[in-house]
C-alpha atoms as a PDB file:
ATOM      1  CA  MET A   1     143.664 109.041  58.966  1.00  0.00           C
ATOM      2  CA  SER A   2     142.588 105.454  59.097  1.00  0.00           C
ATOM      3  CA  GLY A   3     139.208 104.099  60.239  1.00  0.00           C
ATOM      4  CA  GLY A   4     140.811 102.715  63.403  1.00  0.00           C
ATOM      5  CA  GLY A   5     137.697 100.716  64.201  1.00  0.00           C
ATOM      6  CA  GLU A   6     136.525 103.140  66.868  1.00  0.00           C
ATOM      7  CA  SER A   7     132.818 103.122  67.490  1.00  0.00           C
ATOM      8  CA  ALA A   8     130.512 105.455  69.328  1.00  0.00           C
ATOM      9  CA  PRO A   9     129.995 104.571  72.972  1.00  0.00           C
ATOM     10  CA  ALA A  10     126.948 102.465  73.635  1.00  0.00           C
ATOM     11  CA  PRO A  11     124.033 104.367  75.117  1.00  0.00           C
ATOM     12  CA  ALA A  12     123.674 103.941  78.855  1.00  0.00           C
ATOM     13  CA  ALA A  13     121.247 101.218  79.770  1.00  0.00           C
ATOM     14  CA  LYS A  14     118.111 102.384  81.511  1.00  0.00           C
ATOM     15  CA  PRO A  15     117.903 101.177  85.092  1.00  0.00           C
ATOM     16  CA  ALA A  16     115.369  98.420  85.466  1.00  0.00           C
ATOM     17  CA  ALA A  17     112.186  99.379  87.266  1.00  0.00           C
ATOM     18  CA  ALA A  18     112.160  98.067  90.802  1.00  0.00           C
ATOM     19  CA  VAL A  19     109.831  95.134  91.158  1.00  0.00           C
ATOM     20  CA  PRO A  20     107.503  95.667  94.104  1.00  0.00           C
ATOM     21  CA  ILE A  21     108.219  93.352  96.997  1.00  0.00           C
ATOM     22  CA  ASP A  22     105.441  90.965  97.953  1.00  0.00           C
ATOM     23  CA  HIS A  23     105.907  90.670 101.710  1.00  0.00           C
ATOM     24  CA  VAL A  24     103.550  87.698 101.994  1.00  0.00           C
ATOM     25  CA  GLU A  25     105.540  85.844  99.341  1.00  0.00           C
ATOM     26  CA  GLU A  26     108.837  86.606 101.069  1.00  0.00           C
ATOM     27  CA  LEU A  27     107.488  85.424 104.423  1.00  0.00           C
ATOM     28  CA  ALA A  28     105.923  82.341 102.829  1.00  0.00           C
ATOM     29  CA  ARG A  29     109.290  81.526 101.229  1.00  0.00           C
ATOM     30  CA  GLN A  30     111.025  81.679 104.607  1.00  0.00           C
ATOM     31  CA  ILE A  31     108.311  79.566 106.217  1.00  0.00           C
ATOM     32  CA  PHE A  32     108.459  77.022 103.370  1.00  0.00           C
ATOM     33  CA  ILE A  33     112.232  76.652 103.646  1.00  0.00           C
ATOM     34  CA  GLN A  34     112.116  76.121 107.404  1.00  0.00           C
ATOM     35  CA  LEU A  35     109.054  73.886 107.255  1.00  0.00           C
ATOM     36  CA  SER A  36     110.587  71.742 104.506  1.00  0.00           C
ATOM     37  CA  ALA A  37     113.827  71.419 106.449  1.00  0.00           C
ATOM     38  CA  ASN A  38     111.913  70.315 109.541  1.00  0.00           C
ATOM     39  CA  VAL A  39     109.739  67.849 107.615  1.00  0.00           C
ATOM     40  CA  HIS A  40     112.666  66.270 105.799  1.00  0.00           C
ATOM     41  CA  ALA A  41     114.736  66.057 108.983  1.00  0.00           C
ATOM     42  CA  THR A  42     112.192  63.810 110.643  1.00  0.00           C
ATOM     43  CA  PRO A  43     111.553  60.197 109.719  1.00  0.00           C
ATOM     44  CA  GLY A  44     108.244  59.107 108.267  1.00  0.00           C
ATOM     45  CA  GLU A  45     105.964  59.917 105.388  1.00  0.00           C
ATOM     46  CA  LYS A  46     106.500  63.299 103.762  1.00  0.00           C
ATOM     47  CA  PRO A  47     103.650  65.518 102.539  1.00  0.00           C
ATOM     48  CA  PRO A  48     103.765  66.759  98.918  1.00  0.00           C
ATOM     49  CA  HIS A  49     105.744  69.962  98.385  1.00  0.00           C
ATOM     50  CA  ALA A  50     102.619  71.682  97.045  1.00  0.00           C
ATOM     51  CA  LYS A  51     100.901  71.129 100.398  1.00  0.00           C
ATOM     52  CA  LEU A  52     103.890  72.605 102.236  1.00  0.00           C
ATOM     53  CA  ALA A  53     103.796  75.624  99.911  1.00  0.00           C
ATOM     54  CA  GLU A  54     100.056  76.056 100.477  1.00  0.00           C
ATOM     55  CA  LEU A  55     100.521  75.858 104.243  1.00  0.00           C
ATOM     56  CA  SER A  56     103.390  78.352 104.047  1.00  0.00           C
ATOM     57  CA  PHE A  57     101.223  80.909 102.259  1.00  0.00           C
ATOM     58  CA  ARG A  58      98.310  80.383 104.625  1.00  0.00           C
ATOM     59  CA  LEU A  59     100.610  80.888 107.616  1.00  0.00           C
ATOM     60  CA  ALA A  60     102.210  83.975 106.048  1.00  0.00           C
ATOM     61  CA  GLU A  61      98.808  85.541 105.324  1.00  0.00           C
ATOM     62  CA  ALA A  62      97.579  84.733 108.842  1.00  0.00           C
ATOM     63  CA  PHE A  63     100.716  86.312 110.274  1.00  0.00           C
ATOM     64  CA  GLN A  64     100.180  89.501 108.262  1.00  0.00           C
ATOM     65  CA  VAL A  65      96.601  89.792 109.549  1.00  0.00           C
ATOM     66  CA  GLY A  66      97.666  89.082 113.131  1.00  0.00           C
ATOM     67  CA  ASN A  67     100.591  91.458 112.843  1.00  0.00           C
ATOM     68  CA  LEU A  68      98.264  94.350 111.998  1.00  0.00           C
ATOM     69  CA  GLU A  69      95.803  93.299 114.688  1.00  0.00           C
ATOM     70  CA  PHE A  70      98.230  92.843 117.572  1.00  0.00           C
ATOM     71  CA  ASN A  71     101.380  94.809 116.655  1.00  0.00           C
ATOM     72  CA  THR A  72     100.838  98.492 117.456  1.00  0.00           C
ATOM     73  CA  ALA A  73     103.910  99.652 115.519  1.00  0.00           C
ATOM     74  CA  ALA A  74     102.857  97.754 112.373  1.00  0.00           C
ATOM     75  CA  ARG A  75      99.338  99.173 112.647  1.00  0.00           C
ATOM     76  CA  GLU A  76     100.722 102.720 113.016  1.00  0.00           C
ATOM     77  CA  ARG A  77     102.949 102.243 109.945  1.00  0.00           C
ATOM     78  CA  ALA A  78     100.004 100.945 107.913  1.00  0.00           C
ATOM     79  CA  ASP A  79      97.821 103.874 109.028  1.00  0.00           C
ATOM     80  CA  ALA A  80     100.555 106.394 108.190  1.00  0.00           C
ATOM     81  CA  LYS A  81     101.036 104.840 104.754  1.00  0.00           C
ATOM     82  CA  ALA A  82      97.291 104.892 104.096  1.00  0.00           C
ATOM     83  CA  LYS A  83      97.112 108.583 105.041  1.00  0.00           C
ATOM     84  CA  SER A  84     100.092 109.476 102.845  1.00  0.00           C
ATOM     85  CA  THR A  85      98.663 107.936  99.677  1.00  0.00           C
ATOM     86  CA  VAL A  86      96.093 109.499  97.392  1.00  0.00           C
ATOM     87  CA  ASP A  87      93.054 107.474  96.399  1.00  0.00           C
ATOM     88  CA  VAL A  88      92.627 108.560  92.772  1.00  0.00           C
ATOM     89  CA  SER A  89      89.230 106.887  92.602  1.00  0.00           C
ATOM     90  CA  LYS A  90      87.896 109.608  94.905  1.00  0.00           C
ATOM     91  CA  ILE A  91      89.182 112.508  92.792  1.00  0.00           C
ATOM     92  CA  GLU A  92      86.473 114.286  90.839  1.00  0.00           C
ATOM     93  CA  ILE A  93      87.470 116.362  87.820  1.00  0.00           C
ATOM     94  CA  ASP A  94      84.968 118.651  86.103  1.00  0.00           C
ATOM     95  CA  PHE A  95      86.209 118.552  82.509  1.00  0.00           C
ATOM     96  CA  GLY A  96      83.369 120.866  81.469  1.00  0.00           C
ATOM     97  CA  ALA A  97      85.014 123.707  83.369  1.00  0.00           C
ATOM     98  CA  PHE A  98      88.124 123.504  81.184  1.00  0.00           C
ATOM     99  CA  GLY A  99      86.198 124.612  78.059  1.00  0.00           C
ATOM    100  CA  LYS A 100      84.707 127.687  79.770  1.00  0.00           C
ATOM    101  CA  LYS A 101      86.546 130.970  79.917  1.00  0.00           C
END
């Protein structure tokens, strides 16, 4: 038999961990794109892009706050999520009890 050049199959790549979605960033991105398009479509002096980005984030954050304040469905989802999570900072473990029999 000859070597044939066959090699062992490569190990399967581990799936990448899902990056958490920053909803404020996503909303700010959408606001920035629309705001920039509107600003550049009108004649006159243009503000710096950094100012448009800052405004976009401020508007996105204000929307998130208002959404929870005025949107009943969003408030209910946030409350349900808060109830379904465990606050590990409130868990008390008595490690002394483990050594006792």
